[in-house]
Amino acid sequence: MTDRSGYIVDTLVGAFEDLMSANPAAFRTKFRKMAADPFAFYRGSACLFYADVAAREDPWADERTSRVWIQGDLHAENFGTYMDGDGSLIFDVNDFDEAYVGHFTWDVLRFAASMALLGWRKAISDDDISTLVERFVRGYVDQVRTFVEQDDDRGFSLNLRTAEGVIAQVLQKARLRTRVALLDDITESEGFDRILRDGPGVRRLDDDERGRVVDAFGRYLDSIPESKRFRGVAYTVKDVIGRSGFGIGSAGLPAYTVLIEGLNEALDNDVVVSMKQGNIAAPSRVVDDPAVAAAFRHHGHRTAMSQRALQAHADRLLGWTDLDGVGFVVSEVSPYEADLDWSELTEPAEIAPVVEYLGRATAKVHCVADADADHTLVPFSTEDAILAVVDGREDEFVAWVTGFAHTYAAQVREDHRLFVEAFRGGAIPGVAATS
């Protein structure tokens, strides 16, 4: 095993050892998915990315720009639609499991490298990849500058009225989805009511576990800001199941699905809620700031608070709780969530306007928080701090990010090869490939 191969294995084991021990089968599945191609490996190895970038010099990080709310796992496939807390359908960053406080550049670099990997997978030339990365970065900086210059930061969003092209199509398709269709997929009738449907990955709970989950759900209600709480029967629990089979990033994390009454007792208004154990955010492994770590009760609390800090109008059901001393994040399972589909985007000319939108969306999550966000960790204007370090140096910033994108994407392709060989050869303790 080479030094880099050993480093990859040690980093993955160090990040996931507890979860791997608890559920080795889930991590064998995760690692097989990561083995598919370099992009899949990159998606599942944020811990390796942070171990690498933390060791690099960051000329754009000062006492403020190194302490910004970041999404934490910003790659090309972590964008999509959601229905915000004010009822508007939004296209934005849509995954906050790794969100934390860190260098604003980490999100920009992670996305740029993902764009280089995606471009390589689509056989796009290095010159065109550079152009796409530049389009993303310039869109990001331009939107940051706009936030500095305008008063109403929270008024900006990519929505049905402002988006064009592919992004507008994603929003229109999401609009066609319905809560009833989601309920029909996830639930079934039992007498005159709904219950959650059995299926792959579903686990029925015994009375003791169900009682502890319902108690935890009751504690979650206290985490919802008063301004966002529903009244009446909304949070009445109708059914609970255990879940497994989450994606690459959530392998091995215990989770539950809770069916609640919703705004009224009509069956078409029932609401499905996810209650998932919070994971250790990848950036937290390299951020050596006790004040940041001390700000969170647990990783469920950290996930929910970070999402409120990164979304202008967060999910009204977003919150946190604890179960058996472990933190869980709670959020709605929404029918209006649709990821950006890259499969039909093949030519650089088609991709370019999309990545500019993604740059602007990234600037938005860095600069615009929900009204109920906790601002004590980042008690300054993020847009002012970022513009102060990049203003007048935009070309230099673009070149720095683009150079990283190419260099690190090449490293990821080699790392993917080393990872596959290590996994196939049984070199990853606890999850050795089985026949």
Protein backbone atom coordinates (compact mmCIF):
# COMPACT_ATOMS: atom_id res chain seq x y z
CA MET A 1 0.00 0.00 0.00
CA THR A 2 1.38 3.44 -0.98
CA ASP A 3 1.64 6.33 1.48
CA ARG A 4 -1.32 8.07 -0.20
CA SER A 5 -3.37 4.87 -0.17
CA GLY A 6 -2.72 4.46 3.54
CA TYR A 7 -3.62 8.10 4.10
CA ILE A 8 -6.94 7.63 2.28
CA VAL A 9 -7.80 4.53 4.31
CA ASP A 10 -6.77 6.16 7.61
CA THR A 11 -8.82 9.27 6.85
CA LEU A 12 -11.95 7.32 5.94
CA VAL A 13 -11.64 5.02 8.95
CA GLY A 14 -10.96 7.96 11.25
CA ALA A 15 -14.09 9.73 10.02
CA PHE A 16 -16.47 6.77 9.95
CA GLU A 17 -15.09 4.18 12.38
CA ASP A 18 -17.98 4.30 14.86
CA LEU A 19 -20.66 4.11 12.18
CA MET A 20 -18.73 1.41 10.32
CA SER A 21 -18.58 -0.68 13.48
CA ALA A 22 -22.30 -0.21 14.11
CA ASN A 23 -23.35 -1.06 10.54
CA PRO A 24 -20.57 -2.51 8.36
CA ALA A 25 -23.05 -3.65 5.70
CA ALA A 26 -24.22 -0.05 5.17
CA PHE A 27 -20.63 1.04 4.64
CA ARG A 28 -19.87 -1.77 2.25
CA THR A 29 -22.80 -0.44 0.21
CA LYS A 30 -21.56 3.13 0.56
CA PHE A 31 -18.06 2.19 -0.53
CA ARG A 32 -19.32 0.15 -3.50
CA LYS A 33 -21.26 3.23 -4.63
CA MET A 34 -18.14 5.36 -4.15
CA ALA A 35 -16.19 2.89 -6.26
CA ALA A 36 -18.39 3.57 -9.30
CA ASP A 37 -16.35 6.53 -10.60
CA PRO A 38 -14.19 9.41 -9.32
CA PHE A 39 -17.18 11.74 -8.90
CA ALA A 40 -19.02 9.22 -6.72
CA PHE A 41 -15.85 8.76 -4.68
CA TYR A 42 -15.57 12.53 -4.27
CA ARG A 43 -19.17 12.79 -3.08
CA GLY A 44 -18.58 10.22 -0.37
CA SER A 45 -15.17 11.43 0.84
CA ALA A 46 -15.67 14.99 2.04
CA CYS A 47 -13.52 14.12 5.06
CA LEU A 48 -10.56 13.52 2.71
CA PHE A 49 -11.16 16.83 0.92
CA TYR A 50 -11.02 18.73 4.21
CA ALA A 51 -7.94 16.90 5.41
CA ASP A 52 -6.28 18.02 2.17
CA VAL A 53 -7.46 21.65 1.96
CA ALA A 54 -6.78 22.32 5.64
CA ALA A 55 -3.11 21.63 4.94
CA ARG A 56 -3.02 24.14 2.07
CA GLU A 57 -2.39 27.86 2.36
CA ASP A 58 -5.54 29.95 1.89
CA PRO A 59 -4.63 33.53 0.91
CA TRP A 60 -8.29 34.58 1.05
CA ALA A 61 -8.88 33.58 4.68
CA ASP A 62 -8.72 36.24 7.37
CA GLU A 63 -10.31 36.47 10.81
CA ARG A 64 -13.73 36.95 9.24
CA THR A 65 -13.66 35.00 5.96
CA SER A 66 -12.37 31.92 7.79
CA ARG A 67 -15.46 32.04 10.03
CA VAL A 68 -18.39 31.95 7.61
CA TRP A 69 -21.38 29.61 7.58
CA ILE A 70 -20.65 27.08 4.82
CA GLN A 71 -22.66 24.27 3.27
CA GLY A 72 -19.73 21.92 3.83
CA ASP A 73 -20.24 19.47 0.97
CA LEU A 74 -20.83 21.71 -2.02
CA HIS A 75 -20.65 19.68 -5.21
CA ALA A 76 -22.51 19.83 -8.48
CA GLU A 77 -25.22 17.36 -7.41
CA ASN A 78 -26.14 19.14 -4.17
CA PHE A 79 -28.45 21.68 -5.80
CA GLY A 80 -32.17 21.39 -6.38
CA THR A 81 -35.61 22.65 -5.52
CA TYR A 82 -37.47 23.01 -2.24
CA MET A 83 -40.56 24.79 -0.95
CA ASP A 84 -39.38 27.49 1.42
CA GLY A 85 -40.99 28.51 4.69
CA ASP A 86 -42.93 31.29 2.95
CA GLY A 87 -44.47 28.93 0.38
CA SER A 88 -42.25 29.84 -2.59
CA LEU A 89 -40.65 27.17 -4.76
CA ILE A 90 -36.90 27.84 -4.72
CA PHE A 91 -33.85 26.47 -6.54
CA ASP A 92 -30.88 26.45 -4.20
CA VAL A 93 -28.36 24.38 -2.30
CA ASN A 94 -30.39 21.52 -0.85
CA ASP A 95 -28.25 19.44 1.54
CA PHE A 96 -26.96 20.69 4.89
CA ASP A 97 -25.74 17.55 6.64
CA GLU A 98 -22.11 18.77 6.53
CA ALA A 99 -22.83 22.46 7.19
CA TYR A 100 -20.53 24.24 9.62
CA VAL A 101 -18.50 27.40 10.14
CA GLY A 102 -15.27 27.64 8.14
CA HIS A 103 -13.47 29.26 5.20
CA PHE A 104 -15.86 30.57 2.54
CA THR A 105 -13.36 29.31 -0.02
CA TRP A 106 -13.91 25.70 1.00
CA ASP A 107 -17.38 25.66 -0.56
CA VAL A 108 -16.11 27.42 -3.68
CA LEU A 109 -13.16 25.04 -4.07
CA ARG A 110 -15.21 21.92 -3.41
CA PHE A 111 -17.73 22.87 -6.06
CA ALA A 112 -15.02 23.84 -8.56
CA ALA A 113 -13.25 20.49 -8.20
CA SER A 114 -16.59 18.70 -8.60
CA MET A 115 -17.19 20.64 -11.81
CA ALA A 116 -13.80 19.51 -13.11
CA LEU A 117 -14.65 15.89 -12.26
CA LEU A 118 -18.07 16.16 -13.85
CA GLY A 119 -16.56 17.76 -16.94
CA TRP A 120 -13.97 14.99 -17.19
CA ARG A 121 -16.76 12.39 -16.94
CA LYS A 122 -18.49 14.15 -19.84
CA ALA A 123 -15.21 14.30 -21.85
CA ILE A 124 -15.19 18.11 -21.78
CA SER A 125 -11.81 19.67 -22.51
CA ASP A 126 -9.67 21.27 -19.81
CA ASP A 127 -10.06 24.68 -21.46
CA ASP A 128 -13.85 24.39 -21.40
CA ILE A 129 -13.75 23.18 -17.80
CA SER A 130 -11.71 26.27 -16.92
CA THR A 131 -14.34 28.43 -18.59
CA LEU A 132 -17.12 26.74 -16.62
CA VAL A 133 -15.30 27.13 -13.31
CA GLU A 134 -14.65 30.78 -14.12
CA ARG A 135 -18.35 31.30 -14.90
CA PHE A 136 -19.24 29.83 -11.48
CA VAL A 137 -16.71 31.96 -9.59
CA ARG A 138 -17.60 35.20 -11.36
CA GLY A 139 -21.30 34.55 -10.77
CA TYR A 140 -20.50 33.99 -7.10
CA VAL A 141 -18.46 37.19 -6.72
CA ASP A 142 -20.96 39.26 -8.70
CA GLN A 143 -23.80 38.10 -6.44
CA VAL A 144 -21.76 38.82 -3.30
CA ARG A 145 -21.16 42.34 -4.64
CA THR A 146 -24.89 42.73 -5.32
CA PHE A 147 -25.68 41.78 -1.72
CA VAL A 148 -23.25 44.47 -0.52
CA GLU A 149 -24.87 47.09 -2.73
CA GLN A 150 -28.54 46.35 -2.04
CA ASP A 151 -30.56 46.62 1.15
CA ASP A 152 -32.92 43.64 0.80
CA ASP A 153 -30.59 40.62 0.74
CA ARG A 154 -33.39 38.20 1.57
CA GLY A 155 -35.39 39.26 -1.47
CA PHE A 156 -33.07 37.44 -3.88
CA SER A 157 -33.83 33.87 -4.88
CA LEU A 158 -33.92 31.63 -7.93
CA ASN A 159 -37.64 30.98 -8.24
CA LEU A 160 -40.42 30.57 -10.79
CA ARG A 161 -40.30 34.29 -11.60
CA THR A 162 -36.53 34.87 -11.77
CA ALA A 163 -34.96 31.66 -13.11
CA GLU A 164 -34.52 30.86 -16.79
CA GLY A 165 -33.50 27.90 -18.94
CA VAL A 166 -32.70 24.58 -17.29
CA ILE A 167 -33.19 25.93 -13.75
CA ALA A 168 -36.66 27.22 -14.67
CA GLN A 169 -37.52 23.78 -16.10
CA VAL A 170 -36.44 22.05 -12.88
CA LEU A 171 -38.68 24.41 -10.89
CA GLN A 172 -41.64 23.87 -13.23
CA LYS A 173 -41.30 20.09 -12.98
CA ALA A 174 -41.12 20.28 -9.20
CA ARG A 175 -44.27 22.40 -9.23
CA LEU A 176 -46.17 19.54 -10.85
CA ARG A 177 -45.51 17.30 -7.86
CA THR A 178 -48.21 16.99 -5.21
CA ARG A 179 -48.41 16.13 -1.56
CA VAL A 180 -51.12 13.58 -2.29
CA ALA A 181 -48.85 11.71 -4.72
CA LEU A 182 -46.09 11.61 -2.09
CA LEU A 183 -48.53 10.36 0.52
CA ASP A 184 -49.86 7.68 -1.81
CA ASP A 185 -46.28 6.51 -2.40
CA ILE A 186 -45.21 6.48 1.27
CA THR A 187 -48.49 5.62 3.02
CA GLU A 188 -51.48 3.32 2.64
CA SER A 189 -55.00 3.28 3.97
CA GLU A 190 -55.90 1.44 7.15
CA GLY A 191 -59.58 1.79 7.86
CA PHE A 192 -60.36 5.51 7.76
CA ASP A 193 -56.80 6.71 8.23
CA ARG A 194 -53.32 6.57 6.74
CA ILE A 195 -50.31 4.60 7.99
CA LEU A 196 -46.77 4.47 6.66
CA ARG A 197 -46.27 1.82 4.02
CA ASP A 198 -43.98 -1.20 4.52
CA GLY A 199 -41.22 -1.66 1.98
CA PRO A 200 -37.46 -2.02 1.45
CA GLY A 201 -35.52 -0.37 4.24
CA VAL A 202 -38.60 -0.03 6.48
CA ARG A 203 -38.45 -1.37 10.03
CA ARG A 204 -41.48 -1.67 12.30
CA LEU A 205 -40.84 -0.61 15.88
CA ASP A 206 -41.71 -2.39 19.10
CA ASP A 207 -43.73 -0.49 21.71
CA ASP A 208 -40.67 0.58 23.72
CA GLU A 209 -38.77 2.03 20.76
CA ARG A 210 -41.89 3.66 19.37
CA GLY A 211 -42.54 5.32 22.70
CA ARG A 212 -39.00 6.70 22.87
CA VAL A 213 -39.24 8.05 19.32
CA VAL A 214 -42.60 9.71 20.03
CA ASP A 215 -41.14 11.27 23.20
CA ALA A 216 -38.18 12.56 21.18
CA PHE A 217 -40.57 14.00 18.61
CA GLY A 218 -42.39 15.79 21.40
CA ARG A 219 -39.12 17.39 22.53
CA TYR A 220 -38.44 18.47 18.95
CA LEU A 221 -41.43 20.80 19.04
CA ASP A 222 -39.57 23.09 21.45
CA SER A 223 -36.88 23.64 18.78
CA ILE A 224 -39.32 25.22 16.32
CA PRO A 225 -39.25 29.04 16.49
CA GLU A 226 -42.50 30.48 17.82
CA SER A 227 -43.01 32.39 14.56
CA LYS A 228 -43.03 29.15 12.57
CA ARG A 229 -45.15 26.89 14.75
CA PHE A 230 -48.40 25.44 13.48
CA ARG A 231 -51.40 25.33 15.77
CA GLY A 232 -54.01 22.76 16.67
CA VAL A 233 -53.64 19.15 15.56
CA ALA A 234 -50.67 19.67 13.22
CA TYR A 235 -48.03 17.70 15.16
CA THR A 236 -50.21 14.78 16.26
CA VAL A 237 -48.24 11.57 15.55
CA LYS A 238 -50.16 9.01 13.48
CA ASP A 239 -47.43 6.45 12.70
CA VAL A 240 -43.67 5.89 13.05
CA ILE A 241 -41.23 3.57 11.28
CA GLY A 242 -37.49 3.01 11.32
CA ARG A 243 -35.63 3.69 8.09
CA SER A 244 -32.41 2.59 6.41
CA GLY A 245 -30.97 2.80 2.93
CA PHE A 246 -30.00 6.46 2.75
CA GLY A 247 -27.55 7.76 0.15
CA ILE A 248 -23.77 7.89 0.02
CA GLY A 249 -23.47 10.64 2.60
CA SER A 250 -25.81 9.21 5.24
CA ALA A 251 -24.77 5.57 5.31
CA GLY A 252 -25.21 3.93 8.68
CA LEU A 253 -27.09 6.82 10.28
CA PRO A 254 -30.20 5.69 12.21
CA ALA A 255 -33.36 7.40 11.01
CA TYR A 256 -37.11 7.38 11.50
CA THR A 257 -40.05 8.52 9.44
CA VAL A 258 -42.94 10.09 11.33
CA LEU A 259 -46.42 10.63 9.87
CA ILE A 260 -48.22 13.57 11.47
CA GLU A 261 -51.69 15.07 11.10
CA GLY A 262 -50.80 18.29 9.31
CA LEU A 263 -52.82 21.47 9.20
CA ASN A 264 -56.16 19.66 9.63
CA GLU A 265 -57.64 16.18 9.90
CA ALA A 266 -58.22 15.75 6.16
CA LEU A 267 -56.16 12.79 4.98
CA ASP A 268 -54.70 14.67 2.01
CA ASN A 269 -53.03 17.13 4.41
CA ASP A 270 -51.00 14.56 6.36
CA VAL A 271 -47.30 15.44 6.55
CA VAL A 272 -44.29 13.10 6.45
CA VAL A 273 -41.32 14.08 8.62
CA SER A 274 -37.79 12.67 8.69
CA MET A 275 -35.96 12.29 12.00
CA LYS A 276 -32.34 11.40 11.19
CA GLN A 277 -29.31 11.12 13.42
CA GLY A 278 -26.98 14.05 12.82
CA ASN A 279 -23.58 13.13 11.43
CA ILE A 280 -20.25 14.68 12.35
CA ALA A 281 -19.76 17.52 9.85
CA ALA A 282 -16.66 16.98 7.72
CA PRO A 283 -15.39 20.59 8.16
CA SER A 284 -15.62 20.22 11.95
CA ARG A 285 -12.72 17.76 11.78
CA VAL A 286 -10.33 20.51 10.68
CA VAL A 287 -11.80 23.62 12.33
CA ASP A 288 -9.92 24.06 15.59
CA ASP A 289 -12.18 26.60 17.26
CA PRO A 290 -13.68 25.58 20.62
CA ALA A 291 -16.25 28.40 20.41
CA VAL A 292 -17.74 26.91 17.26
CA ALA A 293 -17.92 23.37 18.65
CA ALA A 294 -19.39 24.64 21.93
CA ALA A 295 -22.21 26.44 20.11
CA PHE A 296 -23.98 23.17 19.31
CA ARG A 297 -25.70 20.80 21.71
CA HIS A 298 -25.24 17.91 19.31
CA HIS A 299 -25.01 17.25 15.58
CA GLY A 300 -28.76 17.33 15.06
CA HIS A 301 -28.81 20.81 16.59
CA ARG A 302 -25.79 21.80 14.49
CA THR A 303 -27.45 20.63 11.26
CA ALA A 304 -30.71 22.51 11.89
CA MET A 305 -29.02 25.70 13.10
CA SER A 306 -26.64 25.66 10.15
CA GLN A 307 -29.51 25.24 7.70
CA ARG A 308 -31.30 28.23 9.20
CA ALA A 309 -28.08 30.22 8.84
CA LEU A 310 -27.75 29.20 5.18
CA GLN A 311 -31.35 29.50 3.95
CA ALA A 312 -33.29 32.73 3.69
CA HIS A 313 -36.65 31.12 4.50
CA ALA A 314 -36.03 27.74 6.12
CA ASP A 315 -38.47 24.82 6.37
CA ARG A 316 -41.15 25.56 9.00
CA LEU A 317 -40.76 21.99 10.28
CA LEU A 318 -36.97 22.15 10.60
CA GLY A 319 -35.70 21.43 14.11
CA TRP A 320 -33.79 19.00 16.29
CA THR A 321 -34.21 16.56 19.14
CA ASP A 322 -32.33 13.82 20.96
CA LEU A 323 -32.95 10.10 21.28
CA ASP A 324 -31.03 7.94 23.76
CA GLY A 325 -28.59 10.80 24.24
CA VAL A 326 -27.86 11.20 20.50
CA GLY A 327 -28.80 14.26 18.42
CA PHE A 328 -31.27 14.03 15.54
CA VAL A 329 -32.26 16.58 12.91
CA VAL A 330 -35.94 16.80 11.99
CA SER A 331 -37.35 18.11 8.70
CA GLU A 332 -40.23 17.59 6.32
CA VAL A 333 -40.09 14.96 3.59
CA SER A 334 -41.29 17.31 0.89
CA PRO A 335 -42.82 16.36 -2.47
CA TYR A 336 -41.30 19.51 -3.98
CA GLU A 337 -37.64 18.50 -3.72
CA ALA A 338 -36.08 17.74 -7.09
CA ASP A 339 -32.35 17.58 -7.77
CA LEU A 340 -30.73 19.17 -10.78
CA ASP A 341 -30.32 16.39 -13.36
CA TRP A 342 -26.94 16.67 -15.08
CA SER A 343 -27.48 13.71 -17.41
CA GLU A 344 -29.02 15.80 -20.20
CA LEU A 345 -26.52 18.66 -19.83
CA THR A 346 -23.73 17.60 -22.15
CA GLU A 347 -22.27 20.61 -23.96
CA PRO A 348 -20.30 23.44 -22.31
CA ALA A 349 -22.61 26.04 -23.87
CA GLU A 350 -25.59 24.39 -22.12
CA ILE A 351 -23.77 24.05 -18.82
CA ALA A 352 -22.30 27.58 -18.63
CA PRO A 353 -25.49 29.50 -17.67
CA VAL A 354 -26.37 26.78 -15.19
CA VAL A 355 -23.08 27.04 -13.32
CA GLU A 356 -23.43 30.81 -13.16
CA TYR A 357 -26.77 30.30 -11.43
CA LEU A 358 -25.09 27.85 -9.06
CA GLY A 359 -22.43 30.44 -8.26
CA ARG A 360 -25.14 32.96 -7.40
CA ALA A 361 -27.00 30.38 -5.31
CA THR A 362 -23.77 29.65 -3.41
CA ALA A 363 -23.31 33.35 -2.70
CA LYS A 364 -26.85 33.46 -1.40
CA VAL A 365 -26.37 30.69 1.16
CA HIS A 366 -23.17 32.34 2.38
CA CYS A 367 -24.70 35.79 2.70
CA VAL A 368 -28.42 35.46 3.47
CA ALA A 369 -29.75 33.80 6.63
CA ASP A 370 -33.22 32.94 7.86
CA ALA A 371 -34.81 35.47 10.20
CA ASP A 372 -34.67 32.86 13.00
CA ALA A 373 -30.98 32.05 12.50
CA ASP A 374 -28.52 32.42 15.39
CA HIS A 375 -26.08 35.16 14.41
CA THR A 376 -23.78 34.91 17.43
CA LEU A 377 -21.19 32.69 15.71
CA VAL A 378 -20.91 34.93 12.65
CA PRO A 379 -21.67 38.41 14.05
CA PHE A 380 -20.71 40.37 10.94
CA SER A 381 -21.85 40.92 7.36
CA THR A 382 -20.55 37.94 5.40
CA GLU A 383 -20.88 39.73 2.06
CA ASP A 384 -18.84 42.68 3.31
CA ALA A 385 -16.13 40.33 4.62
CA ILE A 386 -15.89 38.31 1.39
CA LEU A 387 -15.93 41.34 -0.90
CA ALA A 388 -13.20 42.98 1.18
CA VAL A 389 -10.77 40.16 0.28
CA VAL A 390 -11.74 39.59 -3.38
CA ASP A 391 -12.62 43.12 -4.56
CA GLY A 392 -10.05 44.29 -7.08
CA ARG A 393 -8.50 40.80 -7.12
CA GLU A 394 -11.25 38.92 -8.90
CA ASP A 395 -9.04 37.68 -11.74
CA GLU A 396 -6.53 36.38 -9.20
CA PHE A 397 -9.30 34.64 -7.27
CA VAL A 398 -10.65 33.03 -10.44
CA ALA A 399 -7.19 31.77 -11.39
CA TRP A 400 -6.58 30.37 -7.90
CA VAL A 401 -9.88 28.47 -7.85
CA THR A 402 -9.47 27.21 -11.42
CA GLY A 403 -5.97 25.96 -10.76
CA PHE A 404 -7.17 24.09 -7.69
CA ALA A 405 -10.08 22.58 -9.63
CA HIS A 406 -7.80 20.94 -12.19
CA THR A 407 -5.10 19.90 -9.73
CA TYR A 408 -7.44 18.45 -7.16
CA ALA A 409 -9.67 16.70 -9.72
CA ALA A 410 -6.58 14.90 -11.00
CA GLN A 411 -5.75 13.95 -7.41
CA VAL A 412 -9.28 12.62 -6.87
CA ARG A 413 -9.07 10.46 -9.98
CA GLU A 414 -5.88 8.89 -8.66
CA ASP A 415 -7.35 8.64 -5.14
CA HIS A 416 -10.37 6.83 -6.56
CA ARG A 417 -8.09 4.24 -8.15
CA LEU A 418 -6.20 3.76 -4.89
CA PHE A 419 -9.44 3.53 -2.91
CA VAL A 420 -10.89 0.85 -5.21
CA GLU A 421 -7.73 -1.22 -4.95
CA ALA A 422 -7.66 -0.87 -1.15
CA PHE A 423 -11.33 -1.82 -0.83
CA ARG A 424 -11.07 -4.76 -3.22
CA GLY A 425 -7.96 -5.93 -1.40
CA GLY A 426 -9.61 -5.93 2.03
CA ALA A 427 -7.41 -3.09 3.30
CA ILE A 428 -10.23 -1.06 4.89
CA PRO A 429 -10.75 -2.47 8.41
CA GLY A 430 -14.26 -3.55 9.29
CA VAL A 431 -15.77 -3.38 5.82
CA ALA A 432 -13.59 -5.72 3.78
CA ALA A 433 -15.26 -6.65 0.51
CA THR A 434 -17.13 -9.95 0.80
CA SER A 435 -18.10 -12.54 -1.77
